[in-house]
């Protein structure tokens, strides 16, 4: 028995030593991260709000790490082409995603996705929250939400609103407007906000329920007109534009959000390290000012806080999807 006990003790110590050795490279890899370039996948076309945020993060993160951080645009399927790419990118943490409502909270509009965003993408942080602005072509004979609703009801399905894709925040806020107002307007999906904006400027569509950064310069120069802000207060960049609540539609009070996420295969310890590094960026007043100047509210919370927020938003938007019976093709 004594011989067996001695052997068992030695075997146990050997297993422990092997485990420590096996964990050491992972720990060291996390401490050394990054040792090569990082890419941030933006799942929408260049020029939109997500692209702007992705490039802002890439700039400051690159300076922090002293490594190249590049943005790669992978538009399509409401952001899910890029989402799937990152979900399959492996455990090293060198491929990150600039996520959105469409990737995290409204993917229920796609009944047959080839991956599970809620399980396959691991949140690092909520980047920012932002209101949207209802913008129209100058020629549309409506200057307020009330006038827009009246016009839509007078001429059903004759007013077209664009979006960055089915399930995107730009789409879903338009659907929320339809539900709250009863206005029969028609959705036209695009592969990103910049494509929708091009058609809006060309008056091939009439409306966008867009992020402020994407359209603010066009509003300020009079190329588009703003009917309302969806936030709970007026935007400093557009002080003369009323909130939806002020315009008589309190049910359209809503904020969209963006995230920085990794593949589910990235170890939690590495996600926490990246989050701590991101916190250093958020401590830089110039970075925060960069987001605020674009009409965004910086967040920069923890991975667990980000997950809780995403789950809450998912429950909220599932109600809109189910009530409006929104699926791909709608």
C-alpha atoms as a PDB file:
ATOM      1  CA  UNK A   1       0.000   0.000   0.000  1.00  0.00           C
ATOM      2  CA  UNK A   2       2.840   2.356   0.872  1.00  0.00           C
ATOM      3  CA  UNK A   3       4.409   1.692  -2.521  1.00  0.00           C
ATOM      4  CA  UNK A   4       1.102   2.387  -4.254  1.00  0.00           C
ATOM      5  CA  UNK A   5       0.622   5.612  -2.241  1.00  0.00           C
ATOM      6  CA  UNK A   6       4.098   6.814  -3.211  1.00  0.00           C
ATOM      7  CA  UNK A   7       3.433   6.021  -6.866  1.00  0.00           C
ATOM      8  CA  UNK A   8       0.038   7.785  -6.794  1.00  0.00           C
ATOM      9  CA  UNK A   9       1.567  10.882  -5.195  1.00  0.00           C
ATOM     10  CA  UNK A  10       4.312  11.003  -7.822  1.00  0.00           C
ATOM     11  CA  UNK A  11       1.788  10.549 -10.634  1.00  0.00           C
ATOM     12  CA  UNK A  12      -0.399  13.336  -9.247  1.00  0.00           C
ATOM     13  CA  UNK A  13       2.586  15.683  -9.081  1.00  0.00           C
ATOM     14  CA  UNK A  14       3.530  14.798 -12.632  1.00  0.00           C
ATOM     15  CA  UNK A  15       0.008  15.565 -13.875  1.00  0.00           C
ATOM     16  CA  UNK A  16       0.036  18.901 -12.022  1.00  0.00           C
ATOM     17  CA  UNK A  17       3.423  19.813 -13.454  1.00  0.00           C
ATOM     18  CA  UNK A  18       2.244  18.918 -16.950  1.00  0.00           C
ATOM     19  CA  UNK A  19      -0.869  21.041 -16.511  1.00  0.00           C
ATOM     20  CA  UNK A  20       1.183  24.028 -15.409  1.00  0.00           C
ATOM     21  CA  UNK A  21       3.495  23.615 -18.376  1.00  0.00           C
ATOM     22  CA  UNK A  22       0.532  23.346 -20.717  1.00  0.00           C
ATOM     23  CA  UNK A  23      -0.995  26.539 -19.336  1.00  0.00           C
ATOM     24  CA  UNK A  24       2.232  28.527 -19.345  1.00  0.00           C
ATOM     25  CA  UNK A  25       2.395  29.128 -23.137  1.00  0.00           C
ATOM     26  CA  UNK A  26      -1.233  30.345 -23.106  1.00  0.00           C
ATOM     27  CA  UNK A  27      -0.533  32.705 -20.210  1.00  0.00           C
ATOM     28  CA  UNK A  28       2.637  33.989 -21.846  1.00  0.00           C
ATOM     29  CA  UNK A  29       0.832  34.429 -25.148  1.00  0.00           C
ATOM     30  CA  UNK A  30      -1.768  36.587 -23.425  1.00  0.00           C
ATOM     31  CA  UNK A  31       0.875  38.671 -21.684  1.00  0.00           C
ATOM     32  CA  UNK A  32       2.794  39.161 -24.935  1.00  0.00           C
ATOM     33  CA  UNK A  33      -0.329  39.994 -27.003  1.00  0.00           C
ATOM     34  CA  UNK A  34      -0.128  41.430 -29.558  1.00  0.00           C
ATOM     35  CA  UNK A  35       2.952  40.199 -31.380  1.00  0.00           C
ATOM     36  CA  UNK A  36       1.546  40.732 -34.884  1.00  0.00           C
ATOM     37  CA  UNK A  37      -0.976  42.955 -36.703  1.00  0.00           C
ATOM     38  CA  UNK A  38      -4.607  42.955 -35.580  1.00  0.00           C
ATOM     39  CA  UNK A  39      -7.559  43.338 -37.892  1.00  0.00           C
ATOM     40  CA  UNK A  40     -10.923  44.802 -36.954  1.00  0.00           C
ATOM     41  CA  UNK A  41     -13.658  43.511 -39.221  1.00  0.00           C
ATOM     42  CA  UNK A  42     -16.362  46.071 -39.915  1.00  0.00           C
ATOM     43  CA  UNK A  43     -19.303  44.114 -41.341  1.00  0.00           C
ATOM     44  CA  UNK A  44     -20.631  47.060 -43.342  1.00  0.00           C
ATOM     45  CA  UNK A  45     -19.349  49.100 -46.255  1.00  0.00           C
ATOM     46  CA  UNK A  46     -16.823  51.896 -45.852  1.00  0.00           C
ATOM     47  CA  UNK A  47     -18.073  55.354 -44.952  1.00  0.00           C
ATOM     48  CA  UNK A  48     -20.837  54.429 -42.530  1.00  0.00           C
ATOM     49  CA  UNK A  49     -20.967  54.943 -38.770  1.00  0.00           C
ATOM     50  CA  UNK A  50     -19.550  51.504 -37.958  1.00  0.00           C
ATOM     51  CA  UNK A  51     -16.648  52.097 -40.324  1.00  0.00           C
ATOM     52  CA  UNK A  52     -15.896  55.462 -38.708  1.00  0.00           C
ATOM     53  CA  UNK A  53     -15.848  53.915 -35.243  1.00  0.00           C
ATOM     54  CA  UNK A  54     -13.770  50.955 -36.372  1.00  0.00           C
ATOM     55  CA  UNK A  55     -11.102  53.228 -37.813  1.00  0.00           C
ATOM     56  CA  UNK A  56     -11.077  55.420 -34.713  1.00  0.00           C
ATOM     57  CA  UNK A  57     -10.499  52.380 -32.486  1.00  0.00           C
ATOM     58  CA  UNK A  58      -7.890  50.978 -34.876  1.00  0.00           C
ATOM     59  CA  UNK A  59      -5.970  54.256 -34.802  1.00  0.00           C
ATOM     60  CA  UNK A  60      -5.794  54.519 -31.006  1.00  0.00           C
ATOM     61  CA  UNK A  61      -5.303  50.796 -30.418  1.00  0.00           C
ATOM     62  CA  UNK A  62      -2.458  50.759 -32.941  1.00  0.00           C
ATOM     63  CA  UNK A  63      -0.748  53.615 -31.121  1.00  0.00           C
ATOM     64  CA  UNK A  64      -1.203  51.855 -27.778  1.00  0.00           C
ATOM     65  CA  UNK A  65       0.215  48.544 -28.988  1.00  0.00           C
ATOM     66  CA  UNK A  66       2.804  49.883 -31.387  1.00  0.00           C
ATOM     67  CA  UNK A  67       1.421  47.389 -33.894  1.00  0.00           C
ATOM     68  CA  UNK A  68      -0.578  47.712 -37.072  1.00  0.00           C
ATOM     69  CA  UNK A  69      -4.345  47.564 -36.514  1.00  0.00           C
ATOM     70  CA  UNK A  70      -6.227  47.485 -39.802  1.00  0.00           C
ATOM     71  CA  UNK A  71      -9.918  47.763 -40.640  1.00  0.00           C
ATOM     72  CA  UNK A  72     -11.354  45.257 -43.076  1.00  0.00           C
ATOM     73  CA  UNK A  73     -14.830  45.911 -44.477  1.00  0.00           C
ATOM     74  CA  UNK A  74     -16.902  42.759 -45.023  1.00  0.00           C
ATOM     75  CA  UNK A  75     -20.448  43.928 -45.838  1.00  0.00           C
ATOM     76  CA  UNK A  76     -23.451  41.748 -46.563  1.00  0.00           C
ATOM     77  CA  UNK A  77     -26.319  39.833 -44.960  1.00  0.00           C
ATOM     78  CA  UNK A  78     -26.983  42.602 -42.441  1.00  0.00           C
ATOM     79  CA  UNK A  79     -23.455  42.261 -41.077  1.00  0.00           C
ATOM     80  CA  UNK A  80     -23.470  38.488 -40.711  1.00  0.00           C
ATOM     81  CA  UNK A  81     -20.858  37.803 -43.382  1.00  0.00           C
ATOM     82  CA  UNK A  82     -18.372  39.645 -41.204  1.00  0.00           C
ATOM     83  CA  UNK A  83     -19.841  38.145 -38.053  1.00  0.00           C
ATOM     84  CA  UNK A  84     -19.388  34.592 -39.318  1.00  0.00           C
ATOM     85  CA  UNK A  85     -15.824  35.362 -40.425  1.00  0.00           C
ATOM     86  CA  UNK A  86     -14.878  36.509 -36.921  1.00  0.00           C
ATOM     87  CA  UNK A  87     -16.734  33.660 -35.216  1.00  0.00           C
ATOM     88  CA  UNK A  88     -14.557  31.227 -37.188  1.00  0.00           C
ATOM     89  CA  UNK A  89     -11.304  33.156 -36.716  1.00  0.00           C
ATOM     90  CA  UNK A  90      -9.904  30.980 -33.938  1.00  0.00           C
ATOM     91  CA  UNK A  91      -8.620  31.578 -30.420  1.00  0.00           C
ATOM     92  CA  UNK A  92      -5.679  33.942 -30.928  1.00  0.00           C
ATOM     93  CA  UNK A  93      -7.641  37.216 -30.684  1.00  0.00           C
ATOM     94  CA  UNK A  94      -6.060  38.837 -33.717  1.00  0.00           C
ATOM     95  CA  UNK A  95      -9.370  39.159 -35.584  1.00  0.00           C
ATOM     96  CA  UNK A  96     -11.960  41.322 -33.836  1.00  0.00           C
ATOM     97  CA  UNK A  97     -15.370  42.595 -34.896  1.00  0.00           C
ATOM     98  CA  UNK A  98     -17.037  45.986 -34.676  1.00  0.00           C
ATOM     99  CA  UNK A  99     -20.516  44.698 -33.839  1.00  0.00           C
ATOM    100  CA  UNK A 100     -23.934  46.313 -33.937  1.00  0.00           C
ATOM    101  CA  UNK A 101     -27.589  45.805 -33.056  1.00  0.00           C
ATOM    102  CA  UNK A 102     -27.903  43.650 -36.160  1.00  0.00           C
ATOM    103  CA  UNK A 103     -25.165  41.288 -35.009  1.00  0.00           C
ATOM    104  CA  UNK A 104     -26.320  41.011 -31.405  1.00  0.00           C
ATOM    105  CA  UNK A 105     -29.967  41.912 -30.918  1.00  0.00           C
ATOM    106  CA  UNK A 106     -31.916  41.601 -34.156  1.00  0.00           C
ATOM    107  CA  UNK A 107     -30.474  38.536 -35.832  1.00  0.00           C
ATOM    108  CA  UNK A 108     -33.836  36.860 -35.275  1.00  0.00           C
ATOM    109  CA  UNK A 109     -34.842  38.281 -38.662  1.00  0.00           C
ATOM    110  CA  UNK A 110     -32.556  35.631 -40.197  1.00  0.00           C
ATOM    111  CA  UNK A 111     -34.204  32.258 -39.419  1.00  0.00           C
ATOM    112  CA  UNK A 112     -31.487  30.187 -41.103  1.00  0.00           C
ATOM    113  CA  UNK A 113     -28.125  31.743 -40.204  1.00  0.00           C
ATOM    114  CA  UNK A 114     -25.150  29.402 -40.572  1.00  0.00           C
ATOM    115  CA  UNK A 115     -23.799  30.366 -37.151  1.00  0.00           C
ATOM    116  CA  UNK A 116     -25.186  31.444 -33.753  1.00  0.00           C
ATOM    117  CA  UNK A 117     -24.222  35.074 -33.042  1.00  0.00           C
ATOM    118  CA  UNK A 118     -25.355  34.923 -29.423  1.00  0.00           C
ATOM    119  CA  UNK A 119     -23.064  31.962 -28.742  1.00  0.00           C
ATOM    120  CA  UNK A 120     -20.295  32.333 -31.323  1.00  0.00           C
ATOM    121  CA  UNK A 121     -19.316  35.953 -30.627  1.00  0.00           C
ATOM    122  CA  UNK A 122     -17.767  36.937 -27.293  1.00  0.00           C
ATOM    123  CA  UNK A 123     -18.227  40.576 -26.177  1.00  0.00           C
ATOM    124  CA  UNK A 124     -15.184  42.603 -25.163  1.00  0.00           C
ATOM    125  CA  UNK A 125     -16.993  45.906 -24.577  1.00  0.00           C
ATOM    126  CA  UNK A 126     -19.835  48.148 -25.673  1.00  0.00           C
ATOM    127  CA  UNK A 127     -18.058  50.819 -27.709  1.00  0.00           C
ATOM    128  CA  UNK A 128     -20.745  53.496 -27.784  1.00  0.00           C
ATOM    129  CA  UNK A 129     -24.427  54.285 -27.754  1.00  0.00           C
ATOM    130  CA  UNK A 130     -26.006  56.757 -30.117  1.00  0.00           C
ATOM    131  CA  UNK A 131     -29.360  58.145 -31.147  1.00  0.00           C
ATOM    132  CA  UNK A 132     -30.479  58.031 -34.744  1.00  0.00           C
ATOM    133  CA  UNK A 133     -31.818  60.888 -36.793  1.00  0.00           C
ATOM    134  CA  UNK A 134     -34.746  60.666 -39.192  1.00  0.00           C
ATOM    135  CA  UNK A 135     -33.508  62.323 -42.389  1.00  0.00           C
ATOM    136  CA  UNK A 136     -35.336  62.970 -45.628  1.00  0.00           C
ATOM    137  CA  UNK A 137     -34.639  64.353 -49.050  1.00  0.00           C
ATOM    138  CA  UNK A 138     -35.276  68.111 -49.265  1.00  0.00           C
ATOM    139  CA  UNK A 139     -37.975  67.505 -51.878  1.00  0.00           C
ATOM    140  CA  UNK A 140     -40.108  65.286 -49.617  1.00  0.00           C
ATOM    141  CA  UNK A 141     -43.136  67.420 -48.630  1.00  0.00           C
ATOM    142  CA  UNK A 142     -42.798  66.707 -44.912  1.00  0.00           C
ATOM    143  CA  UNK A 143     -40.761  68.662 -42.378  1.00  0.00           C
ATOM    144  CA  UNK A 144     -41.878  66.974 -39.151  1.00  0.00           C
ATOM    145  CA  UNK A 145     -42.664  63.446 -38.005  1.00  0.00           C
ATOM    146  CA  UNK A 146     -46.351  64.328 -37.881  1.00  0.00           C
ATOM    147  CA  UNK A 147     -46.252  65.552 -41.468  1.00  0.00           C
ATOM    148  CA  UNK A 148     -44.340  62.439 -42.527  1.00  0.00           C
ATOM    149  CA  UNK A 149     -46.907  60.167 -40.924  1.00  0.00           C
ATOM    150  CA  UNK A 150     -49.799  62.072 -42.508  1.00  0.00           C
ATOM    151  CA  UNK A 151     -48.145  61.949 -45.940  1.00  0.00           C
ATOM    152  CA  UNK A 152     -47.456  58.216 -45.652  1.00  0.00           C
ATOM    153  CA  UNK A 153     -51.060  57.499 -44.700  1.00  0.00           C
ATOM    154  CA  UNK A 154     -52.335  59.687 -47.532  1.00  0.00           C
ATOM    155  CA  UNK A 155     -50.110  57.854 -50.046  1.00  0.00           C
ATOM    156  CA  UNK A 156     -49.571  54.326 -48.653  1.00  0.00           C
ATOM    157  CA  UNK A 157     -46.357  52.516 -49.660  1.00  0.00           C
ATOM    158  CA  UNK A 158     -45.185  55.423 -51.792  1.00  0.00           C
ATOM    159  CA  UNK A 159     -42.442  56.504 -49.370  1.00  0.00           C
ATOM    160  CA  UNK A 160     -39.283  54.371 -49.305  1.00  0.00           C
ATOM    161  CA  UNK A 161     -36.755  54.175 -46.488  1.00  0.00           C
ATOM    162  CA  UNK A 162     -33.341  52.613 -46.899  1.00  0.00           C
ATOM    163  CA  UNK A 163     -31.189  50.701 -44.439  1.00  0.00           C
ATOM    164  CA  UNK A 164     -27.779  49.084 -43.990  1.00  0.00           C
ATOM    165  CA  UNK A 165     -29.460  45.694 -44.371  1.00  0.00           C
ATOM    166  CA  UNK A 166     -32.291  43.640 -42.921  1.00  0.00           C
ATOM    167  CA  UNK A 167     -32.005  43.609 -39.126  1.00  0.00           C
ATOM    168  CA  UNK A 168     -29.576  46.540 -38.962  1.00  0.00           C
ATOM    169  CA  UNK A 169     -30.318  49.325 -36.486  1.00  0.00           C
ATOM    170  CA  UNK A 170     -31.171  51.585 -39.427  1.00  0.00           C
ATOM    171  CA  UNK A 171     -33.800  49.073 -40.531  1.00  0.00           C
ATOM    172  CA  UNK A 172     -35.178  48.225 -37.108  1.00  0.00           C
ATOM    173  CA  UNK A 173     -35.694  51.825 -36.028  1.00  0.00           C
ATOM    174  CA  UNK A 174     -37.604  52.379 -39.261  1.00  0.00           C
ATOM    175  CA  UNK A 175     -39.772  49.372 -38.395  1.00  0.00           C
ATOM    176  CA  UNK A 176     -40.286  50.749 -34.890  1.00  0.00           C
ATOM    177  CA  UNK A 177     -41.448  54.036 -36.439  1.00  0.00           C
ATOM    178  CA  UNK A 178     -43.935  52.129 -38.601  1.00  0.00           C
ATOM    179  CA  UNK A 179     -45.292  50.305 -35.551  1.00  0.00           C
ATOM    180  CA  UNK A 180     -45.593  53.401 -33.375  1.00  0.00           C
ATOM    181  CA  UNK A 181     -47.031  55.697 -36.019  1.00  0.00           C
ATOM    182  CA  UNK A 182     -48.975  53.314 -38.246  1.00  0.00           C
ATOM    183  CA  UNK A 183     -47.264  54.904 -41.254  1.00  0.00           C
ATOM    184  CA  UNK A 184     -47.200  52.515 -44.270  1.00  0.00           C
ATOM    185  CA  UNK A 185     -43.686  53.158 -45.588  1.00  0.00           C
ATOM    186  CA  UNK A 186     -41.631  50.631 -47.554  1.00  0.00           C
ATOM    187  CA  UNK A 187     -38.225  49.239 -46.587  1.00  0.00           C
ATOM    188  CA  UNK A 188     -35.370  48.995 -49.122  1.00  0.00           C
ATOM    189  CA  UNK A 189     -32.289  47.140 -47.750  1.00  0.00           C
ATOM    190  CA  UNK A 190     -28.730  47.882 -48.906  1.00  0.00           C
ATOM    191  CA  UNK A 191     -25.296  46.414 -48.195  1.00  0.00           C
ATOM    192  CA  UNK A 192     -24.369  49.176 -45.799  1.00  0.00           C
ATOM    193  CA  UNK A 193     -25.429  52.701 -44.923  1.00  0.00           C
ATOM    194  CA  UNK A 194     -23.181  54.410 -47.457  1.00  0.00           C
ATOM    195  CA  UNK A 195     -24.978  52.676 -50.346  1.00  0.00           C
ATOM    196  CA  UNK A 196     -28.357  53.677 -48.898  1.00  0.00           C
ATOM    197  CA  UNK A 197     -27.111  57.220 -48.397  1.00  0.00           C
ATOM    198  CA  UNK A 198     -26.017  57.441 -52.037  1.00  0.00           C
ATOM    199  CA  UNK A 199     -29.521  56.551 -53.177  1.00  0.00           C
ATOM    200  CA  UNK A 200     -31.045  58.961 -50.676  1.00  0.00           C
ATOM    201  CA  UNK A 201     -28.879  61.759 -52.050  1.00  0.00           C
ATOM    202  CA  UNK A 202     -29.976  60.729 -55.542  1.00  0.00           C
ATOM    203  CA  UNK A 203     -33.623  60.786 -54.383  1.00  0.00           C
ATOM    204  CA  UNK A 204     -34.182  57.157 -55.333  1.00  0.00           C
ATOM    205  CA  UNK A 205     -35.414  56.661 -51.764  1.00  0.00           C
ATOM    206  CA  UNK A 206     -36.924  59.216 -49.408  1.00  0.00           C
ATOM    207  CA  UNK A 207     -35.861  58.452 -45.840  1.00  0.00           C
ATOM    208  CA  UNK A 208     -33.162  57.061 -43.591  1.00  0.00           C
ATOM    209  CA  UNK A 209     -33.356  56.371 -39.852  1.00  0.00           C
ATOM    210  CA  UNK A 210     -29.607  56.754 -39.679  1.00  0.00           C
ATOM    211  CA  UNK A 211     -26.822  57.189 -37.147  1.00  0.00           C
ATOM    212  CA  UNK A 212     -25.912  60.838 -36.721  1.00  0.00           C
ATOM    213  CA  UNK A 213     -22.228  60.455 -37.793  1.00  0.00           C
ATOM    214  CA  UNK A 214     -23.207  59.114 -41.211  1.00  0.00           C
ATOM    215  CA  UNK A 215     -25.471  62.008 -42.169  1.00  0.00           C
ATOM    216  CA  UNK A 216     -24.614  64.974 -39.968  1.00  0.00           C
ATOM    217  CA  UNK A 217     -22.555  66.834 -42.579  1.00  0.00           C
ATOM    218  CA  UNK A 218     -25.377  66.504 -45.128  1.00  0.00           C
ATOM    219  CA  UNK A 219     -27.887  67.900 -42.645  1.00  0.00           C
ATOM    220  CA  UNK A 220     -25.614  70.763 -41.640  1.00  0.00           C
ATOM    221  CA  UNK A 221     -25.112  71.752 -45.293  1.00  0.00           C
ATOM    222  CA  UNK A 222     -28.806  71.466 -46.174  1.00  0.00           C
ATOM    223  CA  UNK A 223     -28.440  68.526 -48.539  1.00  0.00           C
ATOM    224  CA  UNK A 224     -30.762  66.523 -46.276  1.00  0.00           C
ATOM    225  CA  UNK A 225     -33.351  67.639 -43.741  1.00  0.00           C
ATOM    226  CA  UNK A 226     -33.654  66.193 -40.262  1.00  0.00           C
ATOM    227  CA  UNK A 227     -37.128  65.535 -38.884  1.00  0.00           C
ATOM    228  CA  UNK A 228     -36.353  64.145 -35.434  1.00  0.00           C
ATOM    229  CA  UNK A 229     -33.751  62.620 -33.110  1.00  0.00           C
ATOM    230  CA  UNK A 230     -34.529  59.238 -31.524  1.00  0.00           C
ATOM    231  CA  UNK A 231     -32.604  59.878 -28.296  1.00  0.00           C
ATOM    232  CA  UNK A 232     -34.007  61.081 -24.987  1.00  0.00           C
ATOM    233  CA  UNK A 233     -32.535  64.539 -25.533  1.00  0.00           C
ATOM    234  CA  UNK A 234     -31.555  66.740 -28.427  1.00  0.00           C
ATOM    235  CA  UNK A 235     -28.174  66.120 -30.039  1.00  0.00           C
ATOM    236  CA  UNK A 236     -25.599  68.888 -29.419  1.00  0.00           C
ATOM    237  CA  UNK A 237     -24.581  68.642 -33.075  1.00  0.00           C
ATOM    238  CA  UNK A 238     -28.191  69.240 -34.213  1.00  0.00           C
ATOM    239  CA  UNK A 239     -29.673  71.446 -31.475  1.00  0.00           C
ATOM    240  CA  UNK A 240     -32.636  72.614 -33.567  1.00  0.00           C
ATOM    241  CA  UNK A 241     -33.870  69.101 -34.338  1.00  0.00           C
ATOM    242  CA  UNK A 242     -36.560  67.918 -31.887  1.00  0.00           C
ATOM    243  CA  UNK A 243     -36.558  64.528 -30.228  1.00  0.00           C
ATOM    244  CA  UNK A 244     -39.178  62.014 -31.355  1.00  0.00           C
ATOM    245  CA  UNK A 245     -40.910  62.525 -28.004  1.00  0.00           C
ATOM    246  CA  UNK A 246     -41.035  66.274 -28.577  1.00  0.00           C
ATOM    247  CA  UNK A 247     -42.386  65.554 -32.051  1.00  0.00           C
ATOM    248  CA  UNK A 248     -45.269  63.566 -30.575  1.00  0.00           C
ATOM    249  CA  UNK A 249     -43.911  60.025 -30.931  1.00  0.00           C
ATOM    250  CA  UNK A 250     -42.446  58.953 -27.557  1.00  0.00           C
ATOM    251  CA  UNK A 251     -42.391  55.298 -28.607  1.00  0.00           C
ATOM    252  CA  UNK A 252     -39.570  56.121 -31.014  1.00  0.00           C
ATOM    253  CA  UNK A 253     -37.176  56.974 -28.188  1.00  0.00           C
ATOM    254  CA  UNK A 254     -34.347  54.513 -28.852  1.00  0.00           C
ATOM    255  CA  UNK A 255     -30.554  54.290 -28.967  1.00  0.00           C
ATOM    256  CA  UNK A 256     -28.445  51.982 -31.078  1.00  0.00           C
ATOM    257  CA  UNK A 257     -25.098  50.606 -29.933  1.00  0.00           C
ATOM    258  CA  UNK A 258     -21.842  49.213 -31.209  1.00  0.00           C
ATOM    259  CA  UNK A 259     -19.505  46.635 -29.711  1.00  0.00           C
ATOM    260  CA  UNK A 260     -16.032  45.213 -29.963  1.00  0.00           C
ATOM    261  CA  UNK A 261     -16.210  41.420 -29.905  1.00  0.00           C
ATOM    262  CA  UNK A 262     -14.071  38.347 -30.538  1.00  0.00           C
ATOM    263  CA  UNK A 263     -14.625  34.738 -31.494  1.00  0.00           C
ATOM    264  CA  UNK A 264     -16.101  32.468 -28.827  1.00  0.00           C
ATOM    265  CA  UNK A 265     -12.841  30.501 -29.019  1.00  0.00           C
ATOM    266  CA  UNK A 266     -10.763  33.380 -27.624  1.00  0.00           C
ATOM    267  CA  UNK A 267      -9.950  32.589 -23.952  1.00  0.00           C
ATOM    268  CA  UNK A 268     -11.708  34.715 -21.348  1.00  0.00           C
ATOM    269  CA  UNK A 269      -8.337  35.782 -19.932  1.00  0.00           C
ATOM    270  CA  UNK A 270      -7.301  37.241 -23.294  1.00  0.00           C
ATOM    271  CA  UNK A 271     -10.672  38.974 -23.673  1.00  0.00           C
ATOM    272  CA  UNK A 272     -10.129  40.534 -20.249  1.00  0.00           C
ATOM    273  CA  UNK A 273      -6.636  41.680 -21.270  1.00  0.00           C
ATOM    274  CA  UNK A 274      -7.937  43.312 -24.432  1.00  0.00           C
ATOM    275  CA  UNK A 275     -10.684  44.959 -22.394  1.00  0.00           C
ATOM    276  CA  UNK A 276      -8.137  46.397 -19.964  1.00  0.00           C
ATOM    277  CA  UNK A 277      -6.158  47.745 -22.908  1.00  0.00           C
ATOM    278  CA  UNK A 278      -9.338  49.264 -24.349  1.00  0.00           C
ATOM    279  CA  UNK A 279      -9.918  50.977 -20.996  1.00  0.00           C
ATOM    280  CA  UNK A 280      -6.616  52.792 -21.516  1.00  0.00           C
ATOM    281  CA  UNK A 281      -7.964  54.164 -24.775  1.00  0.00           C
ATOM    282  CA  UNK A 282     -11.170  55.310 -23.101  1.00  0.00           C
ATOM    283  CA  UNK A 283      -9.097  57.135 -20.500  1.00  0.00           C
ATOM    284  CA  UNK A 284      -7.731  59.278 -23.332  1.00  0.00           C
ATOM    285  CA  UNK A 285      -9.944  62.385 -23.556  1.00  0.00           C
ATOM    286  CA  UNK A 286      -9.110  62.785 -27.239  1.00  0.00           C
ATOM    287  CA  UNK A 287     -10.534  59.340 -28.026  1.00  0.00           C
ATOM    288  CA  UNK A 288     -13.700  60.045 -26.076  1.00  0.00           C
ATOM    289  CA  UNK A 289     -13.993  63.431 -27.747  1.00  0.00           C
ATOM    290  CA  UNK A 290     -13.649  61.747 -31.120  1.00  0.00           C
ATOM    291  CA  UNK A 291     -16.728  59.637 -30.397  1.00  0.00           C
ATOM    292  CA  UNK A 292     -18.656  62.526 -28.863  1.00  0.00           C
ATOM    293  CA  UNK A 293     -17.957  64.769 -31.859  1.00  0.00           C
ATOM    294  CA  UNK A 294     -19.668  62.134 -33.976  1.00  0.00           C
ATOM    295  CA  UNK A 295     -22.795  62.203 -31.826  1.00  0.00           C
ATOM    296  CA  UNK A 296     -21.938  59.115 -29.779  1.00  0.00           C
ATOM    297  CA  UNK A 297     -21.855  58.463 -26.058  1.00  0.00           C
ATOM    298  CA  UNK A 298     -18.680  56.504 -25.161  1.00  0.00           C
ATOM    299  CA  UNK A 299     -19.288  53.412 -22.994  1.00  0.00           C
ATOM    300  CA  UNK A 300     -16.247  51.123 -22.653  1.00  0.00           C
ATOM    301  CA  UNK A 301     -17.689  48.723 -20.054  1.00  0.00           C
ATOM    302  CA  UNK A 302     -16.539  45.254 -18.937  1.00  0.00           C
ATOM    303  CA  UNK A 303     -17.175  42.023 -20.879  1.00  0.00           C
ATOM    304  CA  UNK A 304     -19.797  40.877 -18.358  1.00  0.00           C
ATOM    305  CA  UNK A 305     -21.557  44.239 -18.444  1.00  0.00           C
ATOM    306  CA  UNK A 306     -21.492  44.167 -22.232  1.00  0.00           C
ATOM    307  CA  UNK A 307     -23.037  40.693 -22.270  1.00  0.00           C
ATOM    308  CA  UNK A 308     -25.829  41.734 -19.884  1.00  0.00           C
ATOM    309  CA  UNK A 309     -26.604  44.807 -21.989  1.00  0.00           C
ATOM    310  CA  UNK A 310     -26.702  42.772 -25.201  1.00  0.00           C
ATOM    311  CA  UNK A 311     -29.073  40.224 -23.658  1.00  0.00           C
ATOM    312  CA  UNK A 312     -31.431  43.010 -22.566  1.00  0.00           C
ATOM    313  CA  UNK A 313     -31.421  44.575 -26.035  1.00  0.00           C
ATOM    314  CA  UNK A 314     -32.012  41.182 -27.651  1.00  0.00           C
ATOM    315  CA  UNK A 315     -35.180  40.693 -25.605  1.00  0.00           C
ATOM    316  CA  UNK A 316     -36.400  44.168 -26.546  1.00  0.00           C
ATOM    317  CA  UNK A 317     -35.887  43.827 -30.273  1.00  0.00           C
ATOM    318  CA  UNK A 318     -37.245  40.281 -30.397  1.00  0.00           C
ATOM    319  CA  UNK A 319     -40.601  41.814 -29.467  1.00  0.00           C
ATOM    320  CA  UNK A 320     -40.413  44.194 -32.436  1.00  0.00           C
ATOM    321  CA  UNK A 321     -39.385  41.399 -34.802  1.00  0.00           C
ATOM    322  CA  UNK A 322     -42.167  39.097 -33.642  1.00  0.00           C
ATOM    323  CA  UNK A 323     -44.855  41.778 -33.599  1.00  0.00           C
ATOM    324  CA  UNK A 324     -43.980  43.065 -37.068  1.00  0.00           C
ATOM    325  CA  UNK A 325     -43.248  39.531 -38.362  1.00  0.00           C
ATOM    326  CA  UNK A 326     -39.950  40.682 -39.858  1.00  0.00           C
ATOM    327  CA  UNK A 327     -37.847  38.123 -41.706  1.00  0.00           C
ATOM    328  CA  UNK A 328     -35.270  38.319 -44.472  1.00  0.00           C
ATOM    329  CA  UNK A 329     -37.019  39.622 -47.556  1.00  0.00           C
ATOM    330  CA  UNK A 330     -39.416  41.852 -45.627  1.00  0.00           C
END
